[in-house]
All heavy atoms as atom14 arrays in JSON, in Angstrom:
{
  "sequence": "LMEILQSDCILAQVQAVRLLSSLAQKNDFLYDILNCQATHPGSLLFEV",
  "atom14_mask": [
    [1, 1, 1, 1, 1, 1, 1, 1, 0, 0, 0, 0, 0, 0],
    [1, 1, 1, 1, 1, 1, 1, 1, 0, 0, 0, 0, 0, 0],
    [1, 1, 1, 1, 1, 1, 1, 1, 1, 0, 0, 0, 0, 0],
    [1, 1, 1, 1, 1, 1, 1, 1, 0, 0, 0, 0, 0, 0],
    [1, 1, 1, 1, 1, 1, 1, 1, 0, 0, 0, 0, 0, 0],
    [1, 1, 1, 1, 1, 1, 1, 1, 1, 0, 0, 0, 0, 0],
    [1, 1, 1, 1, 1, 1, 0, 0, 0, 0, 0, 0, 0, 0],
    [1, 1, 1, 1, 1, 1, 1, 1, 0, 0, 0, 0, 0, 0],
    [1, 1, 1, 1, 1, 1, 0, 0, 0, 0, 0, 0, 0, 0],
    [1, 1, 1, 1, 1, 1, 1, 1, 0, 0, 0, 0, 0, 0],
    [1, 1, 1, 1, 1, 1, 1, 1, 0, 0, 0, 0, 0, 0],
    [1, 1, 1, 1, 1, 0, 0, 0, 0, 0, 0, 0, 0, 0],
    [1, 1, 1, 1, 1, 1, 1, 1, 1, 0, 0, 0, 0, 0],
    [1, 1, 1, 1, 1, 1, 1, 0, 0, 0, 0, 0, 0, 0],
    [1, 1, 1, 1, 1, 1, 1, 1, 1, 0, 0, 0, 0, 0],
    [1, 1, 1, 1, 1, 0, 0, 0, 0, 0, 0, 0, 0, 0],
    [1, 1, 1, 1, 1, 1, 1, 0, 0, 0, 0, 0, 0, 0],
    [1, 1, 1, 1, 1, 1, 1, 1, 1, 1, 1, 0, 0, 0],
    [1, 1, 1, 1, 1, 1, 1, 1, 0, 0, 0, 0, 0, 0],
    [1, 1, 1, 1, 1, 1, 1, 1, 0, 0, 0, 0, 0, 0],
    [1, 1, 1, 1, 1, 1, 0, 0, 0, 0, 0, 0, 0, 0],
    [1, 1, 1, 1, 1, 1, 0, 0, 0, 0, 0, 0, 0, 0],
    [1, 1, 1, 1, 1, 1, 1, 1, 0, 0, 0, 0, 0, 0],
    [1, 1, 1, 1, 1, 0, 0, 0, 0, 0, 0, 0, 0, 0],
    [1, 1, 1, 1, 1, 1, 1, 1, 1, 0, 0, 0, 0, 0],
    [1, 1, 1, 1, 1, 1, 1, 1, 1, 0, 0, 0, 0, 0],
    [1, 1, 1, 1, 1, 1, 1, 1, 0, 0, 0, 0, 0, 0],
    [1, 1, 1, 1, 1, 1, 1, 1, 0, 0, 0, 0, 0, 0],
    [1, 1, 1, 1, 1, 1, 1, 1, 1, 1, 1, 0, 0, 0],
    [1, 1, 1, 1, 1, 1, 1, 1, 0, 0, 0, 0, 0, 0],
    [1, 1, 1, 1, 1, 1, 1, 1, 1, 1, 1, 1, 0, 0],
    [1, 1, 1, 1, 1, 1, 1, 1, 0, 0, 0, 0, 0, 0],
    [1, 1, 1, 1, 1, 1, 1, 1, 0, 0, 0, 0, 0, 0],
    [1, 1, 1, 1, 1, 1, 1, 1, 0, 0, 0, 0, 0, 0],
    [1, 1, 1, 1, 1, 1, 1, 1, 0, 0, 0, 0, 0, 0],
    [1, 1, 1, 1, 1, 1, 0, 0, 0, 0, 0, 0, 0, 0],
    [1, 1, 1, 1, 1, 1, 1, 1, 1, 0, 0, 0, 0, 0],
    [1, 1, 1, 1, 1, 0, 0, 0, 0, 0, 0, 0, 0, 0],
    [1, 1, 1, 1, 1, 1, 1, 0, 0, 0, 0, 0, 0, 0],
    [1, 1, 1, 1, 1, 1, 1, 1, 1, 1, 0, 0, 0, 0],
    [1, 1, 1, 1, 1, 1, 1, 0, 0, 0, 0, 0, 0, 0],
    [1, 1, 1, 1, 0, 0, 0, 0, 0, 0, 0, 0, 0, 0],
    [1, 1, 1, 1, 1, 1, 0, 0, 0, 0, 0, 0, 0, 0],
    [1, 1, 1, 1, 1, 1, 1, 1, 0, 0, 0, 0, 0, 0],
    [1, 1, 1, 1, 1, 1, 1, 1, 0, 0, 0, 0, 0, 0],
    [1, 1, 1, 1, 1, 1, 1, 1, 1, 1, 1, 0, 0, 0],
    [1, 1, 1, 1, 1, 1, 1, 1, 1, 0, 0, 0, 0, 0],
    [1, 1, 1, 1, 1, 1, 1, 0, 0, 0, 0, 0, 0, 0]
  ],
  "atom14_positions": [
    [[-6.54, -1.27, 3.95], [-5.39, -1.74, 3.18], [-4.11, -1.04, 3.64], [-3.05, -1.67, 3.72], [-5.61, -1.49, 1.68], [-6.71, -2.32, 1.0], [-6.88, -1.89, -0.45], [-6.39, -3.81, 1.08], [0.0, 0.0, 0.0], [0.0, 0.0, 0.0], [0.0, 0.0, 0.0], [0.0, 0.0, 0.0], [0.0, 0.0, 0.0], [0.0, 0.0, 0.0]],
    [[-4.21, 0.24, 3.95], [-3.04, 0.97, 4.44], [-2.62, 0.45, 5.81], [-1.43, 0.39, 6.12], [-3.34, 2.46, 4.5], [-3.56, 3.11, 3.14], [-2.19, 2.86, 2.0], [-0.85, 3.61, 2.9], [0.0, 0.0, 0.0], [0.0, 0.0, 0.0], [0.0, 0.0, 0.0], [0.0, 0.0, 0.0], [0.0, 0.0, 0.0], [0.0, 0.0, 0.0]],
    [[-3.58, 0.07, 6.64], [-3.25, -0.51, 7.96], [-2.53, -1.84, 7.8], [-1.57, -2.14, 8.53], [-4.53, -0.68, 8.79], [-5.12, 0.62, 9.31], [-6.31, 0.37, 10.21], [-6.35, -0.69, 10.85], [-7.21, 1.23, 10.26], [0.0, 0.0, 0.0], [0.0, 0.0, 0.0], [0.0, 0.0, 0.0], [0.0, 0.0, 0.0], [0.0, 0.0, 0.0]],
    [[-3.0, -2.66, 6.86], [-2.34, -3.94, 6.59], [-0.92, -3.69, 6.09], [0.03, -4.39, 6.46], [-3.14, -4.76, 5.56], [-4.5, -5.14, 6.14], [-2.37, -6.01, 5.15], [-5.43, -5.79, 5.13], [0.0, 0.0, 0.0], [0.0, 0.0, 0.0], [0.0, 0.0, 0.0], [0.0, 0.0, 0.0], [0.0, 0.0, 0.0], [0.0, 0.0, 0.0]],
    [[-0.75, -2.67, 5.25], [0.56, -2.33, 4.71], [1.55, -1.98, 5.82], [2.75, -2.2, 5.69], [0.43, -1.15, 3.74], [1.67, -0.71, 2.98], [2.19, -1.83, 2.1], [1.38, 0.52, 2.15], [0.0, 0.0, 0.0], [0.0, 0.0, 0.0], [0.0, 0.0, 0.0], [0.0, 0.0, 0.0], [0.0, 0.0, 0.0], [0.0, 0.0, 0.0]],
    [[1.03, -1.46, 6.93], [1.89, -1.05, 8.05], [1.86, -2.04, 9.2], [2.33, -1.76, 10.29], [1.45, 0.33, 8.55], [1.55, 1.4, 7.46], [0.86, 2.69, 7.86], [1.43, 3.52, 8.55], [-0.37, 2.86, 7.42], [0.0, 0.0, 0.0], [0.0, 0.0, 0.0], [0.0, 0.0, 0.0], [0.0, 0.0, 0.0], [0.0, 0.0, 0.0]],
    [[1.31, -3.25, 8.95], [1.24, -4.26, 9.99], [2.58, -4.97, 10.14], [3.55, -4.66, 9.46], [0.14, -5.28, 9.65], [0.51, -6.05, 8.51], [0.0, 0.0, 0.0], [0.0, 0.0, 0.0], [0.0, 0.0, 0.0], [0.0, 0.0, 0.0], [0.0, 0.0, 0.0], [0.0, 0.0, 0.0], [0.0, 0.0, 0.0], [0.0, 0.0, 0.0]],
    [[2.62, -5.95, 11.04], [3.86, -6.69, 11.3], [3.97, -7.96, 10.48], [4.97, -8.67, 10.58], [3.96, -7.05, 12.79], [4.08, -5.82, 13.67], [4.68, -4.82, 13.21], [3.58, -5.84, 14.81], [0.0, 0.0, 0.0], [0.0, 0.0, 0.0], [0.0, 0.0, 0.0], [0.0, 0.0, 0.0], [0.0, 0.0, 0.0], [0.0, 0.0, 0.0]],
    [[2.96, -8.27, 9.68], [2.97, -9.51, 8.89], [3.5, -9.23, 7.5], [2.85, -8.55, 6.69], [1.56, -10.11, 8.82], [1.46, -11.63, 7.85], [0.0, 0.0, 0.0], [0.0, 0.0, 0.0], [0.0, 0.0, 0.0], [0.0, 0.0, 0.0], [0.0, 0.0, 0.0], [0.0, 0.0, 0.0], [0.0, 0.0, 0.0], [0.0, 0.0, 0.0]],
    [[4.69, -9.75, 7.2], [5.34, -9.47, 5.93], [4.53, -9.98, 4.74], [4.36, -9.29, 3.73], [6.75, -10.1, 5.89], [7.64, -9.49, 6.99], [7.4, -9.89, 4.53], [7.89, -8.02, 6.83], [0.0, 0.0, 0.0], [0.0, 0.0, 0.0], [0.0, 0.0, 0.0], [0.0, 0.0, 0.0], [0.0, 0.0, 0.0], [0.0, 0.0, 0.0]],
    [[3.98, -11.21, 4.85], [3.22, -11.77, 3.73], [1.98, -10.94, 3.43], [1.64, -10.72, 2.26], [2.82, -13.22, 4.05], [3.96, -14.24, 4.08], [3.43, -15.62, 4.47], [4.65, -14.32, 2.73], [0.0, 0.0, 0.0], [0.0, 0.0, 0.0], [0.0, 0.0, 0.0], [0.0, 0.0, 0.0], [0.0, 0.0, 0.0], [0.0, 0.0, 0.0]],
    [[1.31, -10.46, 4.47], [0.14, -9.6, 4.26], [0.56, -8.26, 3.66], [-0.12, -7.71, 2.79], [-0.59, -9.39, 5.59], [0.0, 0.0, 0.0], [0.0, 0.0, 0.0], [0.0, 0.0, 0.0], [0.0, 0.0, 0.0], [0.0, 0.0, 0.0], [0.0, 0.0, 0.0], [0.0, 0.0, 0.0], [0.0, 0.0, 0.0], [0.0, 0.0, 0.0]],
    [[1.7, -7.73, 4.1], [2.22, -6.48, 3.55], [2.48, -6.6, 2.06], [2.1, -5.73, 1.27], [3.52, -6.09, 4.27], [3.34, -5.52, 5.65], [4.69, -5.15, 6.26], [5.68, -5.83, 6.07], [4.71, -4.06, 7.0], [0.0, 0.0, 0.0], [0.0, 0.0, 0.0], [0.0, 0.0, 0.0], [0.0, 0.0, 0.0], [0.0, 0.0, 0.0]],
    [[3.13, -7.69, 1.67], [3.46, -7.89, 0.26], [2.19, -7.93, -0.59], [2.12, -7.29, -1.66], [4.27, -9.19, 0.07], [4.39, -9.55, -1.41], [5.66, -9.05, 0.69], [0.0, 0.0, 0.0], [0.0, 0.0, 0.0], [0.0, 0.0, 0.0], [0.0, 0.0, 0.0], [0.0, 0.0, 0.0], [0.0, 0.0, 0.0], [0.0, 0.0, 0.0]],
    [[1.18, -8.66, -0.13], [-0.06, -8.76, -0.88], [-0.78, -7.41, -0.95], [-1.36, -7.05, -1.98], [-0.97, -9.82, -0.26], [-0.43, -11.24, -0.34], [-0.19, -11.71, -1.76], [-0.94, -11.39, -2.67], [0.89, -12.46, -1.95], [0.0, 0.0, 0.0], [0.0, 0.0, 0.0], [0.0, 0.0, 0.0], [0.0, 0.0, 0.0], [0.0, 0.0, 0.0]],
    [[-0.74, -6.65, 0.14], [-1.38, -5.33, 0.16], [-0.67, -4.38, -0.8], [-1.32, -3.61, -1.53], [-1.38, -4.76, 1.58], [0.0, 0.0, 0.0], [0.0, 0.0, 0.0], [0.0, 0.0, 0.0], [0.0, 0.0, 0.0], [0.0, 0.0, 0.0], [0.0, 0.0, 0.0], [0.0, 0.0, 0.0], [0.0, 0.0, 0.0], [0.0, 0.0, 0.0]],
    [[0.67, -4.42, -0.82], [1.44, -3.56, -1.74], [1.11, -3.9, -3.18], [0.95, -3.01, -4.02], [2.95, -3.7, -1.46], [3.76, -3.07, -2.58], [3.31, -3.05, -0.14], [0.0, 0.0, 0.0], [0.0, 0.0, 0.0], [0.0, 0.0, 0.0], [0.0, 0.0, 0.0], [0.0, 0.0, 0.0], [0.0, 0.0, 0.0], [0.0, 0.0, 0.0]],
    [[1.01, -5.18, -3.48], [0.7, -5.6, -4.86], [-0.67, -5.07, -5.29], [-0.83, -4.58, -6.42], [0.75, -7.12, -4.97], [2.15, -7.68, -4.95], [2.16, -9.19, -5.02], [3.52, -9.73, -5.02], [3.83, -11.0, -4.92], [2.86, -11.91, -4.82], [5.09, -11.39, -4.92], [0.0, 0.0, 0.0], [0.0, 0.0, 0.0], [0.0, 0.0, 0.0]],
    [[-1.64, -5.17, -4.41], [-2.97, -4.68, -4.74], [-2.96, -3.17, -4.91], [-3.51, -2.63, -5.89], [-3.98, -5.09, -3.66], [-5.43, -4.63, -3.91], [-5.96, -5.2, -5.22], [-6.33, -5.07, -2.75], [0.0, 0.0, 0.0], [0.0, 0.0, 0.0], [0.0, 0.0, 0.0], [0.0, 0.0, 0.0], [0.0, 0.0, 0.0], [0.0, 0.0, 0.0]],
    [[-2.34, -2.45, -3.98], [-2.29, -0.99, -4.07], [-1.49, -0.53, -5.29], [-1.84, 0.47, -5.93], [-1.67, -0.41, -2.79], [-2.57, -0.49, -1.55], [-1.76, -0.16, -0.29], [-3.76, 0.46, -1.68], [0.0, 0.0, 0.0], [0.0, 0.0, 0.0], [0.0, 0.0, 0.0], [0.0, 0.0, 0.0], [0.0, 0.0, 0.0], [0.0, 0.0, 0.0]],
    [[-0.42, -1.25, -5.63], [0.36, -0.9, -6.83], [-0.48, -1.06, -8.09], [-0.39, -0.25, -9.02], [1.6, -1.79, -6.93], [2.5, -1.52, -5.89], [0.0, 0.0, 0.0], [0.0, 0.0, 0.0], [0.0, 0.0, 0.0], [0.0, 0.0, 0.0], [0.0, 0.0, 0.0], [0.0, 0.0, 0.0], [0.0, 0.0, 0.0], [0.0, 0.0, 0.0]],
    [[-1.31, -2.08, -8.11], [-2.2, -2.29, -9.25], [-3.24, -1.18, -9.32], [-3.51, -0.63, -10.4], [-2.9, -3.65, -9.11], [-3.86, -3.82, -10.13], [0.0, 0.0, 0.0], [0.0, 0.0, 0.0], [0.0, 0.0, 0.0], [0.0, 0.0, 0.0], [0.0, 0.0, 0.0], [0.0, 0.0, 0.0], [0.0, 0.0, 0.0], [0.0, 0.0, 0.0]],
    [[-3.8, -0.8, -8.18], [-4.81, 0.25, -8.15], [-4.2, 1.62, -8.48], [-4.89, 2.49, -9.02], [-5.49, 0.31, -6.77], [-6.29, -0.94, -6.37], [-6.84, -0.77, -4.95], [-7.43, -1.19, -7.35], [0.0, 0.0, 0.0], [0.0, 0.0, 0.0], [0.0, 0.0, 0.0], [0.0, 0.0, 0.0], [0.0, 0.0, 0.0], [0.0, 0.0, 0.0]],
    [[-2.93, 1.82, -8.13], [-2.27, 3.1, -8.38], [-2.15, 3.4, -9.87], [-1.92, 4.54, -10.26], [-0.89, 3.12, -7.73], [0.0, 0.0, 0.0], [0.0, 0.0, 0.0], [0.0, 0.0, 0.0], [0.0, 0.0, 0.0], [0.0, 0.0, 0.0], [0.0, 0.0, 0.0], [0.0, 0.0, 0.0], [0.0, 0.0, 0.0], [0.0, 0.0, 0.0]],
    [[-2.3, 2.38, -10.71], [-2.24, 2.57, -12.16], [-3.58, 3.01, -12.73], [-3.67, 3.3, -13.93], [-1.79, 1.27, -12.83], [-0.39, 0.83, -12.42], [0.01, -0.47, -13.07], [0.49, -0.52, -14.2], [-0.17, -1.56, -12.35], [0.0, 0.0, 0.0], [0.0, 0.0, 0.0], [0.0, 0.0, 0.0], [0.0, 0.0, 0.0], [0.0, 0.0, 0.0]],
    [[-4.6, 3.07, -11.89], [-5.93, 3.49, -12.33], [-6.19, 4.9, -11.81], [-6.09, 5.17, -10.61], [-7.01, 2.53, -11.8], [-6.81, 1.08, -12.21], [-7.88, 0.19, -11.59], [-7.64, -1.28, -11.9], [-7.81, -1.58, -13.33], [0.0, 0.0, 0.0], [0.0, 0.0, 0.0], [0.0, 0.0, 0.0], [0.0, 0.0, 0.0], [0.0, 0.0, 0.0]],
    [[-6.52, 5.81, -12.7], [-6.75, 7.2, -12.31], [-7.86, 7.33, -11.27], [-7.82, 8.23, -10.42], [-7.12, 8.04, -13.54], [-5.92, 8.29, -14.44], [-4.81, 8.49, -13.95], [-6.12, 8.26, -15.75], [0.0, 0.0, 0.0], [0.0, 0.0, 0.0], [0.0, 0.0, 0.0], [0.0, 0.0, 0.0], [0.0, 0.0, 0.0], [0.0, 0.0, 0.0]],
    [[-8.84, 6.44, -11.31], [-9.97, 6.53, -10.39], [-9.57, 6.37, -8.93], [-10.27, 6.83, -8.03], [-11.03, 5.46, -10.73], [-11.72, 5.75, -12.05], [-11.57, 6.89, -12.55], [-12.4, 4.86, -12.58], [0.0, 0.0, 0.0], [0.0, 0.0, 0.0], [0.0, 0.0, 0.0], [0.0, 0.0, 0.0], [0.0, 0.0, 0.0], [0.0, 0.0, 0.0]],
    [[-8.43, 5.7, -8.67], [-8.05, 5.4, -7.29], [-6.87, 6.23, -6.79], [-6.53, 6.14, -5.61], [-7.69, 3.91, -7.17], [-8.87, 2.99, -7.29], [-9.07, 2.27, -8.46], [-9.79, 2.87, -6.26], [-10.16, 1.43, -8.59], [-10.88, 2.03, -6.38], [-11.07, 1.31, -7.55], [0.0, 0.0, 0.0], [0.0, 0.0, 0.0], [0.0, 0.0, 0.0]],
    [[-6.26, 7.02, -7.65], [-5.07, 7.76, -7.24], [-5.32, 8.65, -6.04], [-4.58, 8.64, -5.05], [-4.54, 8.59, -8.41], [-3.46, 7.93, -9.27], [-3.11, 8.84, -10.44], [-2.23, 7.63, -8.45], [0.0, 0.0, 0.0], [0.0, 0.0, 0.0], [0.0, 0.0, 0.0], [0.0, 0.0, 0.0], [0.0, 0.0, 0.0], [0.0, 0.0, 0.0]],
    [[-6.38, 9.46, -6.1], [-6.65, 10.38, -5.0], [-6.96, 9.62, -3.71], [-6.48, 9.99, -2.63], [-7.83, 11.3, -5.34], [-8.2, 12.22, -4.19], [-7.41, 13.31, -3.88], [-9.32, 11.95, -3.41], [-7.72, 14.14, -2.81], [-9.64, 12.77, -2.34], [-8.85, 13.87, -2.05], [-9.17, 14.67, -0.99], [0.0, 0.0, 0.0], [0.0, 0.0, 0.0]],
    [[-7.73, 8.54, -3.81], [-8.1, 7.76, -2.61], [-6.87, 7.18, -1.93], [-6.77, 7.16, -0.71], [-9.07, 6.64, -3.0], [-10.34, 7.17, -3.62], [-11.24, 7.57, -2.87], [-10.42, 7.19, -4.86], [0.0, 0.0, 0.0], [0.0, 0.0, 0.0], [0.0, 0.0, 0.0], [0.0, 0.0, 0.0], [0.0, 0.0, 0.0], [0.0, 0.0, 0.0]],
    [[-5.9, 6.71, -2.75], [-4.68, 6.13, -2.18], [-3.81, 7.22, -1.56], [-3.35, 7.11, -0.43], [-3.89, 5.36, -3.26], [-4.7, 4.18, -3.78], [-2.55, 4.88, -2.7], [-4.07, 3.45, -4.96], [0.0, 0.0, 0.0], [0.0, 0.0, 0.0], [0.0, 0.0, 0.0], [0.0, 0.0, 0.0], [0.0, 0.0, 0.0], [0.0, 0.0, 0.0]],
    [[-3.62, 8.3, -2.32], [-2.73, 9.36, -1.86], [-3.28, 10.08, -0.63], [-2.52, 10.66, 0.16], [-2.5, 10.36, -2.99], [-1.61, 9.86, -4.13], [-1.65, 10.82, -5.31], [-0.17, 9.68, -3.66], [0.0, 0.0, 0.0], [0.0, 0.0, 0.0], [0.0, 0.0, 0.0], [0.0, 0.0, 0.0], [0.0, 0.0, 0.0], [0.0, 0.0, 0.0]],
    [[-4.59, 10.07, -0.45], [-5.2, 10.78, 0.67], [-5.39, 9.9, 1.89], [-5.97, 10.33, 2.9], [-6.55, 11.38, 0.25], [-6.98, 12.51, 1.15], [-6.16, 13.34, 1.55], [-8.25, 12.56, 1.49], [0.0, 0.0, 0.0], [0.0, 0.0, 0.0], [0.0, 0.0, 0.0], [0.0, 0.0, 0.0], [0.0, 0.0, 0.0], [0.0, 0.0, 0.0]],
    [[-4.92, 8.65, 1.81], [-5.04, 7.76, 2.97], [-4.08, 8.2, 4.07], [-2.98, 8.65, 3.81], [-4.7, 6.31, 2.57], [-6.06, 5.44, 1.82], [0.0, 0.0, 0.0], [0.0, 0.0, 0.0], [0.0, 0.0, 0.0], [0.0, 0.0, 0.0], [0.0, 0.0, 0.0], [0.0, 0.0, 0.0], [0.0, 0.0, 0.0], [0.0, 0.0, 0.0]],
    [[-4.52, 8.04, 5.32], [-3.65, 8.36, 6.44], [-2.6, 7.27, 6.6], [-2.9, 6.08, 6.54], [-4.49, 8.47, 7.72], [-3.68, 8.88, 8.94], [-4.58, 9.18, 10.13], [-5.74, 9.53, 9.96], [-4.04, 9.06, 11.32], [0.0, 0.0, 0.0], [0.0, 0.0, 0.0], [0.0, 0.0, 0.0], [0.0, 0.0, 0.0], [0.0, 0.0, 0.0]],
    [[-1.36, 7.68, 6.79], [-0.28, 6.7, 6.89], [0.86, 7.29, 7.7], [1.09, 8.49, 7.71], [0.23, 6.32, 5.51], [0.0, 0.0, 0.0], [0.0, 0.0, 0.0], [0.0, 0.0, 0.0], [0.0, 0.0, 0.0], [0.0, 0.0, 0.0], [0.0, 0.0, 0.0], [0.0, 0.0, 0.0], [0.0, 0.0, 0.0], [0.0, 0.0, 0.0]],
    [[1.58, 6.42, 8.38], [2.76, 6.86, 9.13], [4.01, 6.73, 8.28], [4.85, 7.61, 8.25], [2.94, 6.02, 10.41], [2.98, 4.64, 10.06], [1.78, 6.26, 11.37], [0.0, 0.0, 0.0], [0.0, 0.0, 0.0], [0.0, 0.0, 0.0], [0.0, 0.0, 0.0], [0.0, 0.0, 0.0], [0.0, 0.0, 0.0], [0.0, 0.0, 0.0]],
    [[4.12, 5.65, 7.55], [5.23, 5.46, 6.61], [4.84, 4.36, 5.64], [4.02, 3.51, 5.94], [6.53, 5.09, 7.33], [6.4, 3.86, 8.19], [6.45, 2.6, 7.67], [6.21, 3.74, 9.52], [6.31, 1.72, 8.64], [6.15, 2.39, 9.77], [0.0, 0.0, 0.0], [0.0, 0.0, 0.0], [0.0, 0.0, 0.0], [0.0, 0.0, 0.0]],
    [[5.4, 4.36, 4.43], [4.98, 3.39, 3.42], [5.26, 1.95, 3.8], [4.65, 1.05, 3.29], [5.81, 3.79, 2.19], [6.24, 5.18, 2.45], [6.39, 5.31, 3.93], [0.0, 0.0, 0.0], [0.0, 0.0, 0.0], [0.0, 0.0, 0.0], [0.0, 0.0, 0.0], [0.0, 0.0, 0.0], [0.0, 0.0, 0.0], [0.0, 0.0, 0.0]],
    [[6.21, 1.68, 4.68], [6.51, 0.29, 5.05], [7.99, 0.0, 4.87], [8.77, 0.86, 4.48], [0.0, 0.0, 0.0], [0.0, 0.0, 0.0], [0.0, 0.0, 0.0], [0.0, 0.0, 0.0], [0.0, 0.0, 0.0], [0.0, 0.0, 0.0], [0.0, 0.0, 0.0], [0.0, 0.0, 0.0], [0.0, 0.0, 0.0], [0.0, 0.0, 0.0]],
    [[8.37, -1.23, 5.12], [9.78, -1.6, 5.08], [10.13, -2.54, 3.94], [11.25, -2.99, 3.82], [10.17, -2.27, 6.41], [9.37, -3.42, 6.62], [0.0, 0.0, 0.0], [0.0, 0.0, 0.0], [0.0, 0.0, 0.0], [0.0, 0.0, 0.0], [0.0, 0.0, 0.0], [0.0, 0.0, 0.0], [0.0, 0.0, 0.0], [0.0, 0.0, 0.0]],
    [[9.19, -2.84, 3.08], [9.47, -3.73, 1.94], [9.98, -2.88, 0.8], [9.23, -2.4, -0.04], [8.19, -4.48, 1.54], [7.5, -5.24, 2.65], [6.17, -5.76, 2.18], [8.38, -6.37, 3.11], [0.0, 0.0, 0.0], [0.0, 0.0, 0.0], [0.0, 0.0, 0.0], [0.0, 0.0, 0.0], [0.0, 0.0, 0.0], [0.0, 0.0, 0.0]],
    [[11.29, -2.67, 0.79], [11.89, -1.64, -0.05], [11.48, -1.7, -1.52], [10.96, -0.73, -2.07], [13.42, -1.71, 0.06], [14.0, -1.16, 1.35], [15.52, -1.36, 1.36], [13.67, 0.3, 1.51], [0.0, 0.0, 0.0], [0.0, 0.0, 0.0], [0.0, 0.0, 0.0], [0.0, 0.0, 0.0], [0.0, 0.0, 0.0], [0.0, 0.0, 0.0]],
    [[11.71, -2.82, -2.14], [11.47, -2.88, -3.58], [10.0, -2.68, -3.91], [9.65, -1.86, -4.77], [11.97, -4.2, -4.16], [11.72, -4.33, -5.63], [12.49, -3.62, -6.54], [10.72, -5.15, -6.12], [12.27, -3.72, -7.9], [10.48, -5.26, -7.48], [11.27, -4.54, -8.37], [0.0, 0.0, 0.0], [0.0, 0.0, 0.0], [0.0, 0.0, 0.0]],
    [[9.13, -3.43, -3.23], [7.69, -3.33, -3.52], [7.18, -1.92, -3.24], [6.37, -1.37, -4.0], [6.91, -4.34, -2.67], [7.16, -5.79, -3.04], [6.52, -6.18, -4.36], [5.78, -5.35, -4.93], [6.78, -7.3, -4.83], [0.0, 0.0, 0.0], [0.0, 0.0, 0.0], [0.0, 0.0, 0.0], [0.0, 0.0, 0.0], [0.0, 0.0, 0.0]],
    [[7.66, -1.32, -2.16], [7.2, 0.03, -1.81], [7.73, 1.06, -2.81], [7.04, 2.02, -3.15], [7.64, 0.38, -0.37], [7.37, 1.85, -0.08], [6.88, -0.48, 0.63], [0.0, 0.0, 0.0], [0.0, 0.0, 0.0], [0.0, 0.0, 0.0], [0.0, 0.0, 0.0], [0.0, 0.0, 0.0], [0.0, 0.0, 0.0], [0.0, 0.0, 0.0]]
  ]
}
């Protein structure tokens, strides 16, 4: 999901951000999301 978030496809990025934003509201997934390897959150300012 983090790779998709950093891909070149805007539509896929938007959908990945929406899913990750939903998961970020669940305590069970916070550590898994925060510990993912990433270069930068992406360029979709508002969603990110």
